[in-house]
N, C-alpha and C. Protein backbone atom coordinates (compact mmCIF):
# COMPACT_ATOMS: atom_id res chain seq x y z
N MET A 1 -74.94 63.06 36.83
CA MET A 1 -74.83 64.28 35.61
C MET A 1 -73.95 64.41 34.68
N ASN A 2 -74.18 64.86 33.50
CA ASN A 2 -73.39 65.10 32.72
C ASN A 2 -72.59 65.57 32.89
N GLY A 3 -71.51 65.54 32.57
CA GLY A 3 -70.07 66.65 32.12
C GLY A 3 -70.19 67.76 31.19
N VAL A 4 -70.40 66.21 30.14
CA VAL A 4 -70.63 67.48 28.90
C VAL A 4 -71.87 67.10 28.28
N ASP A 5 -72.14 67.30 27.31
CA ASP A 5 -73.56 66.58 25.87
C ASP A 5 -72.87 66.27 24.82
N PHE A 6 -71.97 66.66 24.15
CA PHE A 6 -71.47 66.09 23.01
C PHE A 6 -72.19 66.97 22.11
N VAL A 7 -72.81 67.74 22.08
CA VAL A 7 -73.59 68.27 21.29
C VAL A 7 -73.72 69.80 20.88
N GLU A 8 -73.17 70.24 20.32
CA GLU A 8 -73.03 71.43 19.60
C GLU A 8 -73.98 72.72 20.55
N GLY A 9 -74.33 73.28 21.50
CA GLY A 9 -75.30 74.04 21.84
C GLY A 9 -75.71 72.79 23.41
N GLY A 10 -75.18 71.72 23.34
CA GLY A 10 -75.38 71.70 24.81
C GLY A 10 -74.86 71.74 26.54
N THR A 11 -74.81 70.93 27.13
CA THR A 11 -74.23 71.53 28.59
C THR A 11 -71.99 71.33 28.46
N THR A 12 -71.61 72.46 28.83
CA THR A 12 -70.51 72.35 29.36
C THR A 12 -70.32 72.13 30.73
N ILE A 13 -68.97 71.90 30.56
CA ILE A 13 -68.70 71.38 32.09
C ILE A 13 -68.38 72.33 32.64
N SER A 14 -68.34 73.60 32.39
CA SER A 14 -68.82 74.58 33.26
C SER A 14 -70.00 75.12 33.74
N GLU A 15 -71.16 74.93 33.40
CA GLU A 15 -71.91 74.95 33.82
C GLU A 15 -72.43 73.73 34.41
N SER A 16 -71.92 72.54 34.02
CA SER A 16 -72.32 71.51 34.58
C SER A 16 -71.66 71.81 36.16
N THR A 17 -70.31 72.06 35.78
CA THR A 17 -70.38 72.17 37.57
C THR A 17 -70.83 72.86 38.67
N GLU A 18 -71.27 74.31 38.03
CA GLU A 18 -72.02 75.29 38.58
C GLU A 18 -73.30 74.33 39.37
N VAL A 19 -73.95 73.70 38.05
CA VAL A 19 -75.32 73.22 39.00
C VAL A 19 -74.85 71.63 40.13
N ALA A 20 -74.07 70.83 39.57
CA ALA A 20 -73.57 70.74 40.45
C ALA A 20 -72.89 71.47 41.89
N LYS A 21 -72.34 72.22 41.90
CA LYS A 21 -71.97 73.32 43.32
C LYS A 21 -73.64 73.12 43.57
N ARG A 22 -74.45 73.56 42.92
CA ARG A 22 -76.04 74.01 43.57
C ARG A 22 -76.46 72.61 43.75
N LEU A 23 -76.91 71.45 43.63
CA LEU A 23 -76.90 70.29 43.99
C LEU A 23 -76.17 69.64 45.49
N GLU A 24 -74.82 69.87 45.41
CA GLU A 24 -74.46 69.95 46.68
C GLU A 24 -74.64 70.62 48.14
N LYS A 25 -75.29 72.20 47.12
CA LYS A 25 -75.82 72.78 48.38
C LYS A 25 -77.16 72.68 49.28
N ILE A 26 -77.74 71.60 48.50
CA ILE A 26 -79.03 71.22 48.21
C ILE A 26 -79.31 70.20 49.63
N GLY A 27 -78.19 68.60 49.26
CA GLY A 27 -78.41 68.09 49.84
C GLY A 27 -77.67 67.33 49.11
N TYR A 28 -77.64 67.00 48.18
CA TYR A 28 -77.06 65.84 47.03
C TYR A 28 -75.53 64.64 47.92
N ALA A 29 -75.71 63.82 47.92
CA ALA A 29 -74.52 62.91 48.86
C ALA A 29 -73.78 62.90 47.94
N ALA A 30 -73.57 62.53 46.45
CA ALA A 30 -72.67 62.12 45.49
C ALA A 30 -73.60 63.11 43.95
N ILE A 31 -72.50 62.95 42.99
CA ILE A 31 -72.44 63.13 41.84
C ILE A 31 -71.67 62.20 40.82
N GLU A 32 -72.77 61.77 40.10
CA GLU A 32 -72.01 60.77 39.16
C GLU A 32 -71.88 60.59 37.94
N VAL A 33 -70.80 61.61 37.15
CA VAL A 33 -69.93 61.99 35.67
C VAL A 33 -70.36 61.04 34.86
N SER A 34 -71.31 61.72 33.74
CA SER A 34 -71.50 60.54 32.66
C SER A 34 -71.27 61.53 31.40
N GLY A 35 -71.76 61.21 30.25
CA GLY A 35 -71.38 62.55 29.25
C GLY A 35 -72.20 62.33 28.05
N GLY A 36 -72.86 62.61 27.44
CA GLY A 36 -73.61 62.36 26.44
C GLY A 36 -75.24 62.72 26.17
N ILE A 37 -76.37 62.62 25.90
CA ILE A 37 -77.20 62.19 25.70
C ILE A 37 -77.62 61.36 24.48
N TRP A 38 -79.23 60.67 24.97
CA TRP A 38 -79.73 59.74 24.32
C TRP A 38 -80.29 60.51 23.37
N GLU A 39 -80.73 61.97 22.86
CA GLU A 39 -81.52 62.14 22.15
C GLU A 39 -80.50 62.74 20.76
N VAL A 40 -79.20 62.43 21.07
CA VAL A 40 -78.76 62.81 20.17
C VAL A 40 -78.51 61.65 18.63
N ALA A 41 -78.75 60.47 18.83
CA ALA A 41 -79.33 59.10 18.64
C ALA A 41 -81.11 59.46 17.74
N LYS A 42 -81.38 60.80 17.78
CA LYS A 42 -83.11 60.54 16.96
C LYS A 42 -82.73 61.91 15.81
N LEU A 43 -81.75 62.60 16.45
CA LEU A 43 -81.29 63.98 15.11
C LEU A 43 -80.81 63.65 13.62
N LYS A 44 -81.25 64.46 12.78
CA LYS A 44 -80.62 63.86 12.05
C LYS A 44 -79.62 64.47 11.09
N LYS A 45 -78.28 64.07 10.09
CA LYS A 45 -77.66 64.13 9.81
C LYS A 45 -77.11 65.84 10.06
N LYS A 46 -77.97 66.27 9.41
CA LYS A 46 -78.36 67.97 8.84
C LYS A 46 -78.01 68.55 10.57
N ASP A 47 -79.06 68.17 11.38
CA ASP A 47 -78.39 68.60 12.44
C ASP A 47 -77.09 68.40 13.06
N LEU A 48 -76.68 67.32 12.88
CA LEU A 48 -75.70 66.90 14.11
C LEU A 48 -74.24 67.43 13.37
N GLY A 49 -74.37 67.03 11.83
CA GLY A 49 -72.93 67.05 10.83
C GLY A 49 -72.75 65.85 10.84
N TRP A 50 -73.13 64.86 11.50
CA TRP A 50 -72.94 63.24 10.91
C TRP A 50 -73.82 62.73 11.04
N LYS A 51 -74.29 61.31 10.37
CA LYS A 51 -74.67 60.77 10.49
C LYS A 51 -75.12 60.31 12.18
N PRO A 52 -76.24 59.99 12.43
CA PRO A 52 -76.73 59.39 14.11
C PRO A 52 -76.70 58.20 13.51
N THR A 53 -76.49 57.72 14.71
CA THR A 53 -77.01 56.02 14.66
C THR A 53 -76.92 55.18 15.95
N PHE A 54 -77.55 54.20 16.20
CA PHE A 54 -77.83 53.77 17.50
C PHE A 54 -76.71 52.74 18.05
N LEU A 55 -76.59 51.72 17.56
CA LEU A 55 -75.46 50.61 17.16
C LEU A 55 -74.33 50.33 16.80
N PRO A 56 -73.47 49.98 16.69
CA PRO A 56 -72.18 50.26 17.39
C PRO A 56 -71.49 51.40 17.34
N GLU A 57 -72.01 51.73 16.34
CA GLU A 57 -71.75 53.72 16.01
C GLU A 57 -71.60 55.11 16.83
N SER A 58 -72.96 54.51 17.77
CA SER A 58 -72.78 55.66 18.54
C SER A 58 -71.76 55.98 19.65
N ARG A 59 -70.80 54.69 19.52
CA ARG A 59 -69.86 54.85 20.98
C ARG A 59 -69.22 56.19 20.08
N ILE A 60 -69.41 56.47 18.95
CA ILE A 60 -68.34 57.66 18.67
C ILE A 60 -68.95 59.07 19.38
N PHE A 61 -69.72 59.20 19.84
CA PHE A 61 -70.64 60.53 20.60
C PHE A 61 -70.13 60.33 22.55
N ILE A 62 -69.02 59.34 22.84
CA ILE A 62 -68.86 59.09 24.21
C ILE A 62 -67.57 58.48 24.44
N GLY A 63 -67.00 58.18 23.02
CA GLY A 63 -65.46 57.90 22.80
C GLY A 63 -65.79 56.34 22.93
N THR A 64 -64.09 56.20 22.70
CA THR A 64 -63.90 54.40 22.06
C THR A 64 -62.96 54.54 23.35
N MET A 65 -62.75 52.33 23.47
CA MET A 65 -61.89 51.88 23.79
C MET A 65 -60.22 52.20 23.39
N ASN A 66 -59.92 53.14 22.25
CA ASN A 66 -58.95 53.78 22.73
C ASN A 66 -58.53 54.77 24.07
N GLU A 67 -60.10 55.38 24.17
CA GLU A 67 -60.24 56.34 25.36
C GLU A 67 -60.72 55.49 26.60
N PRO A 68 -60.11 55.10 27.68
CA PRO A 68 -60.43 54.53 28.52
C PRO A 68 -60.83 55.41 29.61
N ALA A 69 -61.66 55.06 30.14
CA ALA A 69 -62.45 56.20 31.11
C ALA A 69 -62.41 57.39 30.79
N TYR A 70 -63.41 57.23 29.60
CA TYR A 70 -63.62 58.98 29.03
C TYR A 70 -64.16 60.09 29.45
N ASN A 71 -65.28 60.35 30.79
CA ASN A 71 -65.59 60.84 31.33
C ASN A 71 -64.49 61.49 32.68
N LEU A 72 -63.24 60.88 32.50
CA LEU A 72 -62.39 61.56 33.50
C LEU A 72 -61.80 62.47 33.79
N PRO A 73 -62.21 63.01 32.46
CA PRO A 73 -61.41 64.64 32.68
C PRO A 73 -62.38 65.50 33.04
N TYR A 74 -63.80 65.08 32.66
CA TYR A 74 -64.88 65.92 33.30
C TYR A 74 -64.94 66.15 35.06
N ALA A 75 -64.94 64.02 35.75
CA ALA A 75 -64.63 63.83 36.79
C ALA A 75 -63.68 64.78 38.05
N LYS A 76 -62.87 64.96 37.66
CA LYS A 76 -61.71 65.23 38.05
C LYS A 76 -62.49 67.11 38.04
N GLU A 77 -63.01 67.64 36.82
CA GLU A 77 -63.39 69.05 37.08
C GLU A 77 -64.45 69.54 37.89
N PHE A 78 -65.28 68.27 38.57
CA PHE A 78 -66.36 68.10 39.73
C PHE A 78 -65.40 67.87 40.56
N LYS A 79 -64.26 67.36 41.01
CA LYS A 79 -63.40 66.96 42.27
C LYS A 79 -62.74 68.57 42.65
N LYS A 80 -62.85 69.21 41.88
CA LYS A 80 -62.36 70.02 41.88
C LYS A 80 -62.54 71.48 43.29
N VAL A 81 -64.14 71.20 42.86
CA VAL A 81 -65.39 72.27 43.08
C VAL A 81 -66.63 71.69 44.37
N LEU A 82 -66.39 70.11 44.40
CA LEU A 82 -66.82 69.62 45.11
C LEU A 82 -66.71 68.95 46.33
N ASN A 83 -67.30 69.21 47.36
CA ASN A 83 -66.66 67.94 49.26
C ASN A 83 -67.99 67.27 49.03
N ILE A 84 -68.64 66.38 48.33
CA ILE A 84 -69.18 65.22 47.68
C ILE A 84 -68.33 64.62 47.41
N PRO A 85 -68.45 63.10 47.39
CA PRO A 85 -67.60 62.40 46.60
C PRO A 85 -68.53 62.40 44.95
N VAL A 86 -68.07 62.34 43.89
CA VAL A 86 -67.73 62.17 42.34
C VAL A 86 -67.17 60.73 42.56
N ILE A 87 -68.17 60.47 41.40
CA ILE A 87 -68.39 59.09 40.79
C ILE A 87 -68.09 58.99 39.46
N LEU A 88 -67.31 57.83 39.07
CA LEU A 88 -67.01 58.21 37.68
C LEU A 88 -67.37 57.24 37.25
N VAL A 89 -68.12 57.40 35.62
CA VAL A 89 -68.54 56.18 34.82
C VAL A 89 -68.40 55.93 33.51
N GLY A 90 -68.00 55.04 32.70
CA GLY A 90 -67.80 54.89 31.78
C GLY A 90 -66.17 54.78 31.31
N GLY A 91 -65.99 53.29 30.17
CA GLY A 91 -64.86 53.26 30.01
C GLY A 91 -63.92 52.30 31.06
N ILE A 92 -64.21 52.25 31.81
CA ILE A 92 -63.66 51.92 32.93
C ILE A 92 -63.34 50.15 32.28
N ASN A 93 -62.13 49.58 32.22
CA ASN A 93 -61.86 49.02 31.08
C ASN A 93 -60.92 48.02 32.35
N SER A 94 -60.98 48.18 33.06
CA SER A 94 -59.40 47.43 34.26
C SER A 94 -59.35 48.01 35.45
N LEU A 95 -59.40 46.64 36.19
CA LEU A 95 -58.73 46.79 37.84
C LEU A 95 -57.40 47.84 37.81
N ASN A 96 -56.71 47.44 36.76
CA ASN A 96 -55.32 48.54 37.11
C ASN A 96 -55.76 49.69 37.21
N LEU A 97 -56.81 50.13 36.04
CA LEU A 97 -57.37 51.88 35.85
C LEU A 97 -58.17 52.13 36.81
N VAL A 98 -59.08 51.37 37.48
CA VAL A 98 -60.03 51.42 38.60
C VAL A 98 -58.70 51.96 39.81
N GLU A 99 -57.44 51.27 40.19
CA GLU A 99 -57.19 51.55 41.12
C GLU A 99 -56.21 52.85 40.51
N GLN A 100 -55.70 52.87 39.49
CA GLN A 100 -54.90 54.29 39.18
C GLN A 100 -56.52 55.46 39.77
N ILE A 101 -57.58 55.43 39.25
CA ILE A 101 -58.55 56.62 39.42
C ILE A 101 -58.59 57.05 41.21
N LEU A 102 -58.31 55.55 41.93
CA LEU A 102 -58.41 55.89 43.48
C LEU A 102 -57.75 56.30 43.42
N ASN A 103 -56.81 55.87 44.04
CA ASN A 103 -55.28 56.10 43.94
C ASN A 103 -55.34 57.53 44.01
N ASN A 104 -54.90 57.80 43.14
CA ASN A 104 -54.51 59.61 41.97
C ASN A 104 -55.88 60.65 43.01
N GLU A 105 -57.20 59.85 43.16
CA GLU A 105 -58.13 60.51 43.78
C GLU A 105 -58.90 61.54 42.84
N SER A 106 -58.70 60.85 41.40
CA SER A 106 -59.89 61.44 40.43
C SER A 106 -61.22 61.26 40.18
N ALA A 107 -61.71 60.66 41.09
CA ALA A 107 -63.28 60.23 41.69
C ALA A 107 -62.44 59.48 42.49
N ASP A 108 -63.73 59.77 43.41
CA ASP A 108 -63.72 59.13 44.61
C ASP A 108 -64.15 57.32 44.95
N PHE A 109 -65.22 57.18 43.88
CA PHE A 109 -65.71 56.15 43.69
C PHE A 109 -65.72 55.87 42.39
N VAL A 110 -65.92 54.20 41.47
CA VAL A 110 -66.10 54.74 39.92
C VAL A 110 -67.64 53.66 39.85
N SER A 111 -67.89 53.72 38.48
CA SER A 111 -69.75 52.65 38.51
C SER A 111 -69.41 51.86 37.29
N PHE A 112 -70.10 50.68 37.28
CA PHE A 112 -70.32 50.14 36.05
C PHE A 112 -71.31 50.39 35.64
N SER A 113 -71.46 49.94 33.87
CA SER A 113 -72.91 49.14 33.70
C SER A 113 -72.32 48.22 32.76
N ARG A 114 -72.33 48.69 31.48
CA ARG A 114 -72.28 47.70 30.08
C ARG A 114 -71.05 46.30 30.79
N PRO A 115 -69.71 46.70 31.64
CA PRO A 115 -69.30 45.53 32.41
C PRO A 115 -69.95 44.54 32.99
N LEU A 116 -71.12 45.08 33.71
CA LEU A 116 -71.62 44.50 34.24
C LEU A 116 -72.69 43.79 33.67
N THR A 117 -73.04 43.99 32.77
CA THR A 117 -74.01 42.87 32.23
C THR A 117 -74.05 42.30 31.16
N ARG A 118 -72.19 42.45 30.49
CA ARG A 118 -71.21 41.07 30.08
C ARG A 118 -71.17 40.37 31.67
N GLU A 119 -70.69 40.39 32.13
CA GLU A 119 -70.46 39.43 33.32
C GLU A 119 -70.42 40.24 34.96
N PRO A 120 -71.44 39.87 35.36
CA PRO A 120 -72.26 40.24 36.78
C PRO A 120 -71.05 40.23 37.77
N ASP A 121 -70.44 38.79 37.54
CA ASP A 121 -69.50 38.86 38.86
C ASP A 121 -68.13 39.44 38.57
N LEU A 122 -68.42 40.12 37.96
CA LEU A 122 -66.81 40.67 37.48
C LEU A 122 -66.33 41.02 38.66
N PRO A 123 -66.89 42.18 39.90
CA PRO A 123 -66.42 42.69 40.97
C PRO A 123 -65.70 41.17 41.90
N ASN A 124 -66.33 40.13 42.16
CA ASN A 124 -65.72 39.38 42.97
C ASN A 124 -64.73 38.26 42.64
N ARG A 125 -64.91 38.24 41.20
CA ARG A 125 -63.63 38.12 40.09
C ARG A 125 -62.08 38.64 40.36
N TRP A 126 -62.54 40.31 40.55
CA TRP A 126 -61.27 40.72 40.72
C TRP A 126 -61.22 40.96 42.20
N MET A 127 -61.82 40.95 43.05
CA MET A 127 -61.36 40.10 44.30
C MET A 127 -60.71 39.63 44.69
N LYS A 128 -61.05 38.04 43.96
CA LYS A 128 -60.14 36.93 44.33
C LYS A 128 -59.46 36.50 43.59
N GLY A 129 -58.75 37.56 42.76
CA GLY A 129 -57.95 37.37 41.91
C GLY A 129 -58.25 36.57 40.74
N ILE A 130 -59.09 35.76 40.37
CA ILE A 130 -59.62 35.01 39.45
C ILE A 130 -59.28 35.54 37.49
N GLY A 131 -58.36 35.02 36.92
CA GLY A 131 -58.56 36.02 35.44
C GLY A 131 -57.59 36.90 35.40
N ASN A 132 -57.63 37.48 34.04
CA ASN A 132 -57.08 38.86 33.75
C ASN A 132 -57.64 39.90 34.34
N GLN A 133 -57.07 41.11 34.44
CA GLN A 133 -57.58 41.94 35.22
C GLN A 133 -58.67 43.70 34.54
N GLU A 134 -58.83 42.48 33.07
CA GLU A 134 -59.29 43.67 32.04
C GLU A 134 -60.75 42.65 32.02
N VAL A 135 -61.93 43.65 31.47
CA VAL A 135 -63.36 43.49 32.02
C VAL A 135 -63.51 42.61 30.33
N ASP A 136 -64.31 41.21 30.27
CA ASP A 136 -64.80 40.97 28.89
C ASP A 136 -65.46 41.88 28.10
N CYS A 137 -66.01 42.65 28.63
CA CYS A 137 -67.10 43.76 27.62
C CYS A 137 -66.53 44.43 26.67
N ILE A 138 -66.67 44.63 25.16
CA ILE A 138 -66.12 45.35 24.60
C ILE A 138 -66.81 46.48 23.96
N PHE A 139 -67.50 46.93 24.48
CA PHE A 139 -68.34 48.28 25.07
C PHE A 139 -68.65 48.66 23.41
N CYS A 140 -69.55 47.39 22.99
CA CYS A 140 -70.22 47.81 21.55
C CYS A 140 -71.56 48.56 21.82
N ASN A 141 -72.43 48.25 22.71
CA ASN A 141 -73.49 49.12 22.90
C ASN A 141 -74.65 47.86 22.32
N GLY A 142 -74.29 46.69 22.15
CA GLY A 142 -75.36 45.56 21.58
C GLY A 142 -76.25 45.54 22.57
N CYS A 143 -75.90 45.41 24.28
CA CYS A 143 -76.78 45.50 24.97
C CYS A 143 -78.21 46.20 24.97
N LEU A 144 -77.54 47.64 24.96
CA LEU A 144 -78.56 48.90 24.51
C LEU A 144 -79.71 48.09 23.95
N ALA A 145 -79.72 47.37 22.72
CA ALA A 145 -80.83 46.80 22.07
C ALA A 145 -81.33 45.90 22.72
N THR A 146 -81.04 45.22 23.84
CA THR A 146 -81.87 44.19 24.23
C THR A 146 -82.31 44.46 25.22
N VAL A 147 -83.04 45.82 25.77
CA VAL A 147 -83.87 46.22 26.70
C VAL A 147 -85.25 46.25 26.25
N VAL A 148 -85.22 46.13 24.70
CA VAL A 148 -86.94 46.56 24.25
C VAL A 148 -87.47 45.16 24.68
N THR A 149 -86.46 43.82 24.86
CA THR A 149 -86.84 42.44 25.53
C THR A 149 -86.57 42.15 26.25
N PRO A 150 -87.45 41.97 26.89
CA PRO A 150 -87.36 41.02 28.78
C PRO A 150 -85.76 40.81 28.48
N GLY A 151 -85.49 40.97 29.94
CA GLY A 151 -83.92 40.25 29.99
C GLY A 151 -82.60 40.87 29.52
N LEU A 152 -82.77 42.06 30.14
CA LEU A 152 -80.83 42.36 29.54
C LEU A 152 -80.53 41.94 29.47
N ARG A 153 -79.06 41.78 28.45
CA ARG A 153 -78.13 40.99 28.48
C ARG A 153 -77.20 41.57 27.19
N CYS A 154 -75.79 40.80 27.46
CA CYS A 154 -74.85 41.17 26.42
C CYS A 154 -74.97 40.58 25.10
N ALA A 155 -75.25 41.19 23.77
CA ALA A 155 -75.09 40.63 23.14
C ALA A 155 -74.61 39.52 22.22
N LYS A 156 -73.43 40.08 22.52
CA LYS A 156 -72.33 39.47 22.07
C LYS A 156 -72.40 38.09 22.52
N LEU A 157 -72.38 37.98 23.78
CA LEU A 157 -72.59 36.77 24.36
C LEU A 157 -73.30 36.14 24.28
N HIS A 158 -74.48 36.36 23.89
CA HIS A 158 -75.66 36.20 24.19
C HIS A 158 -75.75 35.19 22.41
N ALA A 159 -75.07 36.17 21.36
CA ALA A 159 -75.04 35.47 20.17
C ALA A 159 -74.46 34.53 19.67
N SER A 160 -73.10 34.45 20.72
CA SER A 160 -71.90 33.41 20.48
C SER A 160 -72.54 32.12 21.33
N SER A 161 -73.44 32.00 22.60
CA SER A 161 -73.89 30.68 23.26
C SER A 161 -74.61 30.13 22.10
N ALA A 162 -75.67 31.31 21.40
CA ALA A 162 -77.50 30.38 20.21
C ALA A 162 -75.60 29.92 19.33
N GLY A 163 -74.65 30.11 19.20
CA GLY A 163 -73.95 29.36 17.94
C GLY A 163 -73.63 30.26 16.85
N ASN A 164 -73.98 31.65 16.51
CA ASN A 164 -74.25 32.57 15.56
C ASN A 164 -72.83 33.23 15.96
């Protein structure tokens, strides 16, 4: 669930943590903390105060690679009020970061989407100590554009393998 929606009038962290407590009470086993809303891309500039865009400029709504683990502050707030596992997603860009988050108990688990689209064998590579500890994904969101055709894939990797 969202920690925050990143839009004026959207869900705030205090509202989200209250909802999460209710979800825990009715039996949810864990909460994955994310942020931002898809609908932002559909709004007009006059509604947002900035030009809505889908790719890759949409990253401004949820952080940049200069802000790894950009949902971490929100996950920490969920950890304060919940007794169920908190899962962090968003901007997880290295094994060192994963270990830091888990060792500091800032979240109970981390999850990935874009890095696994780019590199499906990433967890195995990390477990075997092969290559560097950083993800190859550049978090450009190009993979989101591939969902309209069969076969979710990394747009950058696909373009480079096609000779583009």
